[in-house]
N, C-alpha and C. Protein backbone atom coordinates (compact mmCIF):
# COMPACT_ATOMS: atom_id res chain seq x y z
N MET A 1 -9.47 14.05 6.40
CA MET A 1 -8.75 12.37 6.22
C MET A 1 -9.13 11.64 5.53
N LYS A 2 -8.37 11.26 4.82
CA LYS A 2 -7.86 10.27 3.44
C LYS A 2 -8.45 8.53 4.11
N LEU A 3 -9.42 8.44 3.47
CA LEU A 3 -9.60 6.84 3.64
C LEU A 3 -8.88 5.96 3.09
N SER A 4 -8.39 6.81 2.04
CA SER A 4 -7.54 5.10 0.92
C SER A 4 -6.73 5.22 2.35
N ARG A 5 -5.51 6.25 2.66
CA ARG A 5 -4.73 5.40 3.41
C ARG A 5 -4.11 5.10 5.32
N LEU A 6 -6.33 5.65 5.25
CA LEU A 6 -6.24 4.29 6.56
C LEU A 6 -6.34 3.33 6.28
N LEU A 7 -7.80 2.84 5.27
CA LEU A 7 -7.56 1.82 4.83
C LEU A 7 -6.62 1.25 4.22
N PHE A 8 -5.75 1.40 4.13
CA PHE A 8 -5.05 1.01 3.11
C PHE A 8 -3.42 0.70 4.33
N GLY A 9 -3.63 0.66 5.66
CA GLY A 9 -2.70 0.68 6.63
C GLY A 9 -3.62 0.13 7.75
N LEU A 10 -5.05 0.13 7.88
CA LEU A 10 -5.77 -1.59 8.20
C LEU A 10 -5.88 -2.59 6.50
N PHE A 11 -5.47 -2.08 6.26
CA PHE A 11 -4.54 -3.88 5.33
C PHE A 11 -3.57 -4.12 5.52
N ALA A 12 -2.69 -3.52 5.40
CA ALA A 12 -0.61 -3.75 5.87
C ALA A 12 -0.87 -4.01 7.02
N LEU A 13 -2.24 -4.03 8.50
CA LEU A 13 -1.64 -4.77 9.81
C LEU A 13 -1.74 -6.10 9.88
N GLY A 14 -3.56 -5.95 8.75
CA GLY A 14 -3.75 -7.68 8.83
C GLY A 14 -2.82 -8.92 8.10
N VAL A 15 -2.55 -7.98 6.97
CA VAL A 15 -0.92 -8.64 6.30
C VAL A 15 0.18 -8.98 7.29
N ALA A 16 0.20 -7.65 7.95
CA ALA A 16 1.73 -8.30 8.36
C ALA A 16 1.14 -9.45 9.83
N THR A 17 -0.18 -8.65 10.25
CA THR A 17 -0.85 -10.11 11.32
C THR A 17 -0.74 -11.45 10.13
N LEU A 18 -0.85 -11.64 9.85
CA LEU A 18 -1.39 -12.52 8.87
C LEU A 18 0.22 -13.57 8.41
N PHE A 19 1.09 -13.23 7.84
CA PHE A 19 2.62 -13.86 7.81
C PHE A 19 3.08 -13.39 9.46
N GLY A 20 2.91 -12.73 10.19
CA GLY A 20 3.65 -13.39 11.28
C GLY A 20 2.96 -14.32 11.93
N VAL A 21 2.07 -14.54 12.54
CA VAL A 21 1.00 -15.84 12.34
C VAL A 21 1.65 -16.31 11.85
N THR A 22 1.19 -16.72 10.66
CA THR A 22 1.70 -18.22 9.39
C THR A 22 3.46 -18.25 9.66
N SER A 23 4.42 -17.38 9.36
CA SER A 23 5.43 -17.47 10.47
C SER A 23 5.93 -18.41 11.19
N LEU A 24 5.13 -17.93 12.56
CA LEU A 24 5.23 -18.32 13.26
C LEU A 24 5.09 -20.23 13.83
N GLY A 25 4.80 -21.46 12.03
CA GLY A 25 4.72 -22.61 12.22
C GLY A 25 5.73 -22.74 11.35
N TYR A 26 7.08 -22.10 10.29
CA TYR A 26 8.31 -22.03 9.96
C TYR A 26 9.24 -22.88 10.47
N PRO A 27 9.94 -22.57 10.45
CA PRO A 27 10.91 -23.82 10.81
C PRO A 27 12.23 -22.03 11.57
N ASP A 28 12.80 -22.51 13.14
CA ASP A 28 13.77 -21.36 13.19
C ASP A 28 14.43 -20.38 12.06
N ALA A 29 14.86 -20.51 11.40
CA ALA A 29 15.79 -20.10 10.56
C ALA A 29 15.56 -19.50 9.47
N ALA A 30 14.13 -19.98 9.18
CA ALA A 30 12.69 -20.12 8.09
C ALA A 30 12.26 -18.81 8.30
N ALA A 31 11.58 -18.79 10.04
CA ALA A 31 10.78 -17.86 10.58
C ALA A 31 11.52 -16.61 10.45
N ARG A 32 12.88 -16.31 10.45
CA ARG A 32 13.06 -15.32 11.06
C ARG A 32 12.92 -14.55 9.84
N MET A 33 13.12 -13.78 8.37
CA MET A 33 12.65 -13.42 7.75
C MET A 33 11.65 -12.41 7.58
N PRO A 34 10.33 -13.17 8.11
CA PRO A 34 8.61 -13.18 7.62
C PRO A 34 8.51 -12.47 8.41
N LEU A 35 8.99 -12.53 9.78
CA LEU A 35 8.82 -12.42 11.27
C LEU A 35 9.15 -11.05 11.38
N ILE A 36 10.45 -10.57 10.54
CA ILE A 36 10.80 -9.59 11.09
C ILE A 36 10.92 -8.11 9.92
N TYR A 37 10.12 -8.94 9.06
CA TYR A 37 8.61 -8.37 7.51
C TYR A 37 8.36 -7.82 8.40
N ALA A 38 7.19 -8.66 8.86
CA ALA A 38 5.58 -9.42 9.52
C ALA A 38 5.29 -7.70 10.59
N VAL A 39 6.88 -7.60 12.02
CA VAL A 39 7.39 -6.39 12.35
C VAL A 39 6.69 -4.86 11.66
N VAL A 40 8.68 -5.09 11.12
CA VAL A 40 7.85 -3.42 10.07
C VAL A 40 7.38 -3.39 9.54
N VAL A 41 6.19 -4.35 8.65
CA VAL A 41 5.80 -3.33 8.05
C VAL A 41 4.05 -3.33 8.92
N GLY A 42 4.46 -4.46 9.65
CA GLY A 42 3.29 -4.25 11.35
C GLY A 42 3.01 -2.36 11.83
N LEU A 43 4.51 -2.14 12.25
CA LEU A 43 5.12 -1.55 12.94
C LEU A 43 4.55 0.39 11.53
N PHE A 44 5.54 -0.04 10.88
CA PHE A 44 4.79 0.93 9.95
C PHE A 44 3.78 1.62 9.65
N ALA A 45 2.72 0.45 9.05
CA ALA A 45 0.93 -0.07 9.43
C ALA A 45 0.33 0.87 10.70
N ILE A 46 0.43 1.41 11.94
CA ILE A 46 -0.12 0.85 12.75
C ILE A 46 0.62 3.07 12.31
N ALA A 47 1.84 3.01 12.37
CA ALA A 47 1.61 4.57 11.87
C ALA A 47 0.96 5.29 11.01
N MET A 48 1.41 4.55 9.80
CA MET A 48 0.12 5.51 9.58
C MET A 48 -1.30 5.43 9.92
N ILE A 49 -1.83 4.52 10.40
CA ILE A 49 -3.45 4.96 11.25
C ILE A 49 -3.41 5.66 12.01
N VAL A 50 -2.04 5.89 12.68
CA VAL A 50 -1.79 6.66 14.26
C VAL A 50 -1.63 8.54 13.28
N GLN A 51 -0.86 8.65 12.52
CA GLN A 51 -1.04 9.41 11.11
C GLN A 51 -1.83 10.13 11.02
N GLU A 52 -2.98 9.42 10.42
CA GLU A 52 -3.78 9.95 9.40
C GLU A 52 -5.00 10.41 10.71
N LEU A 53 -5.66 9.96 12.03
CA LEU A 53 -6.49 9.54 12.86
C LEU A 53 -6.15 10.98 13.42
N THR A 54 -5.05 10.60 14.61
CA THR A 54 -4.38 12.11 14.78
C THR A 54 -4.45 13.26 13.27
N ALA A 55 -4.29 13.50 12.73
CA ALA A 55 -4.40 14.43 11.12
C ALA A 55 -6.45 14.63 11.09
N HIS A 56 -6.76 13.46 11.49
CA HIS A 56 -8.05 13.86 11.07
C HIS A 56 -8.74 14.37 12.47
N SER A 57 -7.83 13.77 13.17
CA SER A 57 -8.72 15.36 14.99
C SER A 57 -8.42 16.41 14.56
N ARG A 58 -7.31 16.16 14.82
CA ARG A 58 -6.36 18.33 15.01
C ARG A 58 -7.57 18.56 13.97
N ALA A 59 -7.43 17.98 12.82
CA ALA A 59 -7.81 19.08 11.80
C ALA A 59 -10.24 19.28 12.32
N ARG A 60 -10.74 18.12 12.23
CA ARG A 60 -11.57 18.72 13.91
C ARG A 60 -12.30 19.81 14.00
N ALA A 61 -11.33 19.76 15.56
CA ALA A 61 -10.28 20.23 16.43
C ALA A 61 -10.44 22.54 16.26
N GLN A 62 -9.83 21.95 14.96
CA GLN A 62 -9.64 23.57 14.85
C GLN A 62 -11.06 24.26 13.59
N ALA A 63 -11.42 23.55 12.84
CA ALA A 63 -12.39 23.65 12.61
C ALA A 63 -13.07 24.28 13.05
N SER A 64 -13.51 23.04 14.55
CA SER A 64 -14.88 23.74 15.26
C SER A 64 -14.13 25.09 16.40
N SER A 65 -13.00 25.82 16.17
CA SER A 65 -12.22 26.64 16.67
C SER A 65 -12.28 27.65 15.59
N SER A 66 -12.75 27.99 14.46
CA SER A 66 -12.57 28.48 13.84
C SER A 66 -13.59 28.62 13.62
N ALA A 67 -13.96 30.92 13.95
CA ALA A 67 -14.96 30.95 13.28
C ALA A 67 -15.84 30.90 11.54
N ALA A 68 -17.13 30.82 10.53
CA ALA A 68 -16.68 31.56 10.05
C ALA A 68 -16.97 32.82 9.60
N PRO A 69 -16.11 33.37 8.68
CA PRO A 69 -15.78 34.91 8.36
C PRO A 69 -17.41 34.86 6.95
N THR A 70 -17.53 35.86 7.87
CA THR A 70 -18.90 36.81 6.78
C THR A 70 -18.60 37.73 6.04
N LEU A 71 -19.32 37.63 5.12
CA LEU A 71 -19.26 37.67 3.36
C LEU A 71 -19.86 39.27 3.69
N GLU A 72 -19.36 40.27 3.65
CA GLU A 72 -19.89 41.92 4.00
C GLU A 72 -20.52 42.65 2.85
N GLY A 73 -21.13 42.11 1.95
CA GLY A 73 -22.20 42.95 0.69
C GLY A 73 -22.47 41.62 0.13
N SER A 74 -21.87 41.29 -0.86
CA SER A 74 -22.98 40.20 -2.19
C SER A 74 -22.63 39.37 -2.02
N GLN A 75 -23.78 37.89 -1.73
CA GLN A 75 -23.02 36.69 -0.92
C GLN A 75 -21.78 36.13 -2.07
N LEU A 76 -21.02 34.51 -1.91
CA LEU A 76 -20.65 34.18 -2.94
C LEU A 76 -21.25 33.22 -3.46
N ALA A 77 -21.52 32.40 -5.14
CA ALA A 77 -22.05 31.71 -4.82
C ALA A 77 -21.73 30.46 -4.21
N GLU A 78 -22.02 29.74 -4.39
CA GLU A 78 -21.22 28.33 -3.82
C GLU A 78 -20.33 27.91 -4.91
N GLY A 79 -19.69 27.35 -4.40
CA GLY A 79 -18.35 26.86 -4.92
C GLY A 79 -17.39 27.32 -6.06
N GLU A 80 -18.37 29.10 -5.88
CA GLU A 80 -17.52 30.30 -6.65
C GLU A 80 -15.49 30.65 -5.57
N LEU A 81 -14.69 30.91 -6.32
CA LEU A 81 -14.02 32.01 -5.32
C LEU A 81 -13.24 32.32 -5.14
N THR A 82 -12.49 33.12 -5.17
CA THR A 82 -12.48 34.53 -4.72
C THR A 82 -10.72 34.57 -5.16
N GLU A 83 -10.46 35.77 -5.48
CA GLU A 83 -8.98 35.90 -5.56
C GLU A 83 -7.83 35.59 -4.67
N GLY A 84 -8.03 35.75 -3.65
CA GLY A 84 -6.94 34.70 -3.48
C GLY A 84 -7.23 32.97 -2.56
N ASP A 85 -7.87 32.64 -3.43
CA ASP A 85 -8.86 31.09 -3.20
C ASP A 85 -8.23 30.40 -4.06
N SER A 86 -7.33 28.77 -3.42
CA SER A 86 -6.87 28.25 -5.14
C SER A 86 -8.20 27.13 -5.26
N ALA A 87 -7.51 26.75 -6.41
CA ALA A 87 -8.61 25.12 -6.90
C ALA A 87 -9.01 25.10 -5.58
N PRO A 88 -9.77 24.57 -5.81
CA PRO A 88 -9.58 23.16 -4.48
C PRO A 88 -8.94 21.32 -5.38
N ALA A 89 -9.13 20.85 -4.48
CA ALA A 89 -7.52 19.62 -4.07
C ALA A 89 -8.56 18.96 -5.11
N PRO A 90 -8.11 17.01 -6.52
CA PRO A 90 -8.30 16.93 -6.62
C PRO A 90 -8.45 15.62 -5.87
N PRO A 91 -10.22 15.28 -6.04
CA PRO A 91 -10.55 14.25 -5.19
C PRO A 91 -9.29 13.13 -5.27
N ALA A 92 -9.76 12.28 -3.57
CA ALA A 92 -9.12 10.81 -3.94
C ALA A 92 -9.01 10.07 -4.90
N ARG A 93 -7.61 9.10 -4.78
CA ARG A 93 -8.20 7.49 -5.87
C ARG A 93 -8.70 6.63 -4.64
N PRO A 94 -9.65 6.19 -4.63
CA PRO A 94 -9.83 5.28 -3.58
C PRO A 94 -9.92 3.85 -4.37
N LEU A 95 -10.10 4.39 -5.73
CA LEU A 95 -10.73 2.98 -6.60
C LEU A 95 -9.25 2.13 -7.23
N LYS A 96 -8.12 3.28 -7.35
CA LYS A 96 -7.30 2.67 -7.62
C LYS A 96 -6.52 1.92 -6.64
N ALA A 97 -6.34 2.46 -5.13
CA ALA A 97 -5.53 1.72 -3.71
C ALA A 97 -6.98 0.57 -3.66
N MET A 98 -7.59 0.33 -4.12
CA MET A 98 -9.29 -0.80 -4.48
C MET A 98 -8.33 -1.87 -5.27
N ALA A 99 -8.67 -1.48 -5.93
CA ALA A 99 -7.54 -2.53 -6.80
C ALA A 99 -6.70 -3.35 -6.73
N VAL A 100 -5.40 -2.56 -6.29
CA VAL A 100 -3.87 -2.57 -6.08
C VAL A 100 -4.57 -3.42 -5.09
N PHE A 101 -5.82 -3.58 -4.26
CA PHE A 101 -5.31 -4.59 -2.37
C PHE A 101 -5.82 -5.79 -3.65
N ALA A 102 -7.38 -5.72 -4.28
CA ALA A 102 -7.35 -6.96 -4.80
C ALA A 102 -6.58 -6.89 -6.02
N PHE A 103 -5.43 -6.44 -6.95
CA PHE A 103 -4.59 -6.87 -6.87
C PHE A 103 -3.57 -8.04 -6.51
N ALA A 104 -3.86 -7.94 -4.92
CA ALA A 104 -2.98 -8.28 -3.74
C ALA A 104 -3.14 -9.77 -3.76
N ALA A 105 -4.73 -9.86 -3.41
CA ALA A 105 -5.01 -10.35 -3.14
C ALA A 105 -5.17 -11.92 -4.18
N VAL A 106 -4.99 -11.44 -5.35
CA VAL A 106 -5.41 -12.02 -6.71
C VAL A 106 -3.98 -13.06 -6.62
N TYR A 107 -2.84 -11.96 -6.68
CA TYR A 107 -1.10 -12.76 -6.51
C TYR A 107 -0.62 -13.05 -5.83
N ILE A 108 -1.60 -13.43 -4.35
CA ILE A 108 -1.09 -14.70 -3.25
C ILE A 108 -1.57 -15.64 -3.81
N TYR A 109 -2.70 -15.60 -3.77
CA TYR A 109 -3.55 -17.13 -4.61
C TYR A 109 -3.17 -17.66 -5.26
N SER A 110 -2.43 -16.07 -6.46
CA SER A 110 -1.62 -17.00 -8.04
C SER A 110 -1.26 -17.53 -7.78
N ILE A 111 -0.22 -17.50 -6.93
CA ILE A 111 1.91 -17.97 -6.43
C ILE A 111 1.52 -19.29 -6.66
N SER A 112 0.86 -20.56 -6.74
CA SER A 112 0.86 -21.66 -6.49
C SER A 112 0.77 -21.90 -7.73
N TRP A 113 0.16 -21.17 -8.42
CA TRP A 113 -0.19 -22.01 -10.18
C TRP A 113 0.46 -21.22 -11.63
N LEU A 114 0.65 -19.55 -10.62
CA LEU A 114 1.07 -19.03 -11.87
C LEU A 114 2.94 -19.50 -12.29
N GLY A 115 3.59 -19.85 -10.62
CA GLY A 115 5.05 -19.64 -9.91
C GLY A 115 5.21 -18.22 -9.18
N TYR A 116 6.22 -17.90 -8.75
CA TYR A 116 6.52 -16.83 -7.83
C TYR A 116 6.94 -15.77 -8.84
N VAL A 117 8.01 -16.38 -10.16
CA VAL A 117 8.98 -14.93 -10.91
C VAL A 117 7.06 -14.53 -11.37
N VAL A 118 6.68 -15.32 -12.04
CA VAL A 118 5.43 -14.54 -13.54
C VAL A 118 4.45 -13.80 -12.71
N ALA A 119 3.80 -14.63 -10.72
CA ALA A 119 3.29 -13.53 -10.78
C ALA A 119 3.24 -12.79 -10.50
N THR A 120 4.79 -11.64 -9.58
CA THR A 120 5.03 -10.76 -9.07
C THR A 120 4.86 -9.84 -10.62
N ALA A 121 5.84 -10.91 -11.75
CA ALA A 121 5.69 -9.35 -12.05
C ALA A 121 4.23 -9.40 -12.26
N ALA A 122 3.76 -9.78 -12.75
CA ALA A 122 2.63 -9.05 -13.29
C ALA A 122 1.51 -8.76 -12.33
N PHE A 123 1.83 -8.48 -11.32
CA PHE A 123 1.63 -7.78 -10.10
C PHE A 123 1.80 -7.22 -10.11
N MET A 124 3.35 -7.35 -9.68
CA MET A 124 3.75 -5.67 -9.78
C MET A 124 3.37 -4.61 -11.34
N GLY A 125 3.56 -5.50 -12.95
CA GLY A 125 3.43 -4.21 -13.37
C GLY A 125 2.19 -4.22 -13.86
N LEU A 126 0.72 -5.03 -13.23
CA LEU A 126 -0.16 -4.24 -13.14
C LEU A 126 -0.84 -2.95 -12.77
N SER A 127 -0.01 -3.44 -11.16
CA SER A 127 -0.22 -2.35 -10.21
C SER A 127 0.95 -0.78 -10.28
N LEU A 128 1.58 -1.43 -11.42
CA LEU A 128 2.64 0.55 -11.13
C LEU A 128 1.61 1.21 -12.38
N TRP A 129 0.96 0.31 -13.18
CA TRP A 129 1.11 0.64 -14.29
C TRP A 129 -0.21 1.04 -14.71
N LEU A 130 -0.98 0.55 -13.28
CA LEU A 130 -2.45 1.60 -12.32
C LEU A 130 -1.40 2.91 -12.02
N VAL A 131 -1.34 3.20 -11.07
CA VAL A 131 -0.99 4.02 -9.98
C VAL A 131 0.19 5.07 -11.25
N ARG A 132 0.81 4.70 -12.14
CA ARG A 132 1.12 5.50 -13.87
C ARG A 132 2.08 6.29 -12.68
N HIS A 133 3.10 6.20 -11.61
CA HIS A 133 3.54 7.00 -11.10
C HIS A 133 5.51 7.54 -10.93
N VAL A 134 4.74 6.20 -12.04
CA VAL A 134 6.85 5.59 -12.50
C VAL A 134 7.02 5.54 -13.33
N SER A 135 7.90 5.64 -14.93
CA SER A 135 7.90 5.25 -16.03
C SER A 135 8.33 3.95 -16.25
N LEU A 136 8.71 3.25 -16.65
CA LEU A 136 7.97 1.90 -18.07
C LEU A 136 9.16 1.20 -17.52
N ARG A 137 10.93 2.52 -17.94
CA ARG A 137 12.18 1.75 -17.66
C ARG A 137 12.41 1.09 -16.39
N PHE A 138 11.53 1.95 -14.96
CA PHE A 138 11.81 2.57 -13.65
C PHE A 138 10.55 1.03 -12.99
N SER A 139 10.02 0.97 -13.49
CA SER A 139 9.07 -0.57 -13.51
C SER A 139 9.48 -1.46 -13.47
N LEU A 140 10.42 -1.15 -14.75
CA LEU A 140 10.72 -2.16 -15.07
C LEU A 140 12.77 -2.94 -14.58
N ILE A 141 12.70 -2.20 -13.82
CA ILE A 141 14.09 -2.27 -13.16
C ILE A 141 13.76 -2.60 -11.70
N GLY A 142 12.73 -1.79 -10.90
CA GLY A 142 12.15 -3.11 -9.77
C GLY A 142 11.74 -3.54 -9.89
N ILE A 143 10.88 -3.94 -11.29
CA ILE A 143 10.48 -5.70 -10.50
C ILE A 143 11.29 -6.17 -10.81
N ALA A 144 12.77 -6.62 -11.83
CA ALA A 144 14.12 -7.44 -11.67
C ALA A 144 14.42 -7.31 -10.72
N GLY A 145 14.72 -6.62 -10.13
CA GLY A 145 14.90 -6.11 -8.52
C GLY A 145 14.83 -7.00 -6.89
N LEU A 146 13.41 -6.68 -7.41
CA LEU A 146 12.49 -7.35 -6.58
C LEU A 146 12.04 -8.96 -6.14
N ILE A 147 12.58 -9.56 -7.57
CA ILE A 147 12.86 -10.83 -8.35
C ILE A 147 13.76 -10.96 -7.88
N THR A 148 14.31 -10.75 -7.39
CA THR A 148 16.15 -10.64 -7.44
C THR A 148 16.46 -11.25 -6.25
N VAL A 149 15.97 -10.07 -5.54
CA VAL A 149 16.58 -9.79 -3.90
C VAL A 149 15.74 -10.94 -3.15
N VAL A 150 14.08 -11.20 -3.01
CA VAL A 150 13.36 -11.94 -3.49
C VAL A 150 13.95 -13.58 -2.91
N CYS A 151 14.32 -14.38 -3.89
CA CYS A 151 15.38 -15.55 -4.94
C CYS A 151 15.75 -15.00 -3.88
N LEU A 152 17.34 -14.11 -4.32
CA LEU A 152 18.76 -14.63 -2.99
C LEU A 152 18.22 -14.68 -1.03
N VAL A 153 17.13 -14.32 -0.47
CA VAL A 153 17.31 -14.43 0.11
C VAL A 153 16.90 -15.26 0.63
N PHE A 154 15.19 -15.83 0.47
CA PHE A 154 13.68 -17.02 0.71
C PHE A 154 15.56 -18.53 -0.46
N ILE A 155 15.86 -18.25 -1.69
CA ILE A 155 16.30 -19.19 -1.26
C ILE A 155 18.12 -19.66 -1.42
N GLY A 156 18.51 -18.19 -1.99
CA GLY A 156 19.83 -18.44 -1.70
C GLY A 156 20.25 -18.54 0.27
N PHE A 157 19.52 -17.97 0.37
CA PHE A 157 20.32 -17.34 2.45
C PHE A 157 19.76 -18.64 3.31
N LEU A 158 18.27 -18.67 3.07
CA LEU A 158 17.32 -19.22 3.75
C LEU A 158 16.97 -20.93 3.24
N GLY A 159 17.81 -21.00 1.66
CA GLY A 159 17.16 -22.06 1.31
C GLY A 159 16.79 -22.85 1.77
N LEU A 160 15.46 -21.78 1.43
CA LEU A 160 13.82 -22.49 1.04
C LEU A 160 13.51 -23.21 -0.36
N PRO A 161 12.50 -23.80 -0.78
CA PRO A 161 11.79 -24.40 -1.90
C PRO A 161 11.06 -23.17 -1.75
N VAL A 162 10.96 -21.92 -3.24
CA VAL A 162 10.82 -21.18 -3.80
C VAL A 162 9.83 -21.95 -5.15
N PRO A 163 8.67 -21.55 -5.04
CA PRO A 163 7.92 -22.46 -6.75
C PRO A 163 7.92 -20.95 -7.66
N LEU A 164 8.78 -21.02 -8.17
CA LEU A 164 9.50 -19.90 -9.24
C LEU A 164 8.81 -19.43 -10.39
N LEU A 165 8.50 -21.23 -10.69
CA LEU A 165 7.98 -21.13 -12.14
C LEU A 165 6.28 -21.84 -12.10
N PRO A 166 5.58 -21.12 -13.01
CA PRO A 166 4.49 -22.51 -13.24
C PRO A 166 5.03 -24.28 -12.63
N PRO A 167 4.30 -24.29 -12.01
CA PRO A 167 3.77 -26.23 -11.95
C PRO A 167 4.69 -27.42 -13.63
N LEU A 168 4.18 -26.52 -14.71
CA LEU A 168 4.18 -26.98 -15.85
C LEU A 168 5.30 -27.56 -16.38
N PHE A 169 6.18 -26.55 -15.72
CA PHE A 169 7.99 -26.11 -15.97
C PHE A 169 9.05 -27.66 -14.91
C-alpha cells in the first residue's frame, strides 16, 4: 500500500468537506461552484482511498496464499538478485507529498495577506519545483492558466470579490 496516496486521499477528503461546509454559508449563486468542486474532489478522494485499500487487501491475500519458493543448493544472501529478478522499486516519496500538504496549508493562510495572484503563483511554483515532473515552461503556462480561469469564474462569472493583490496595493 502506498501510504502517501492514502494520506493524500484522506487530506483531499478533509479539504473537500471543509470547502463544502464553508460554501453552505455563501449566497446561493456564490455557493454553487465551490460546492460542485467540493463534491467532485470528495468523490475522487473516496475513489483514491478505496483503490488503495482494495489493492492492499488483494496484495495481502495474494501474499498469504502463495507459498515461498524453496532454493535448492546454495542459499542467496539477503538482498541478492537472481537472473530473473529485477532491481527493487525506488522508495516512495512521502516527504514530498507532506511538503506539498504543508505548502497548501500556508497557501490558504497566505491568501489574505499576499493576495490570490501572488499566493497562488508562489504555491504552484514551489509545489511544481518540488515535484519536478513538469518543465519550467509548462509550469509557468499552467500557473498562468489556473490563475486566469479562477479569476474568470469567481470574478467574471460569480461576481465575487476576490483579494487579487496584497492589501498594500
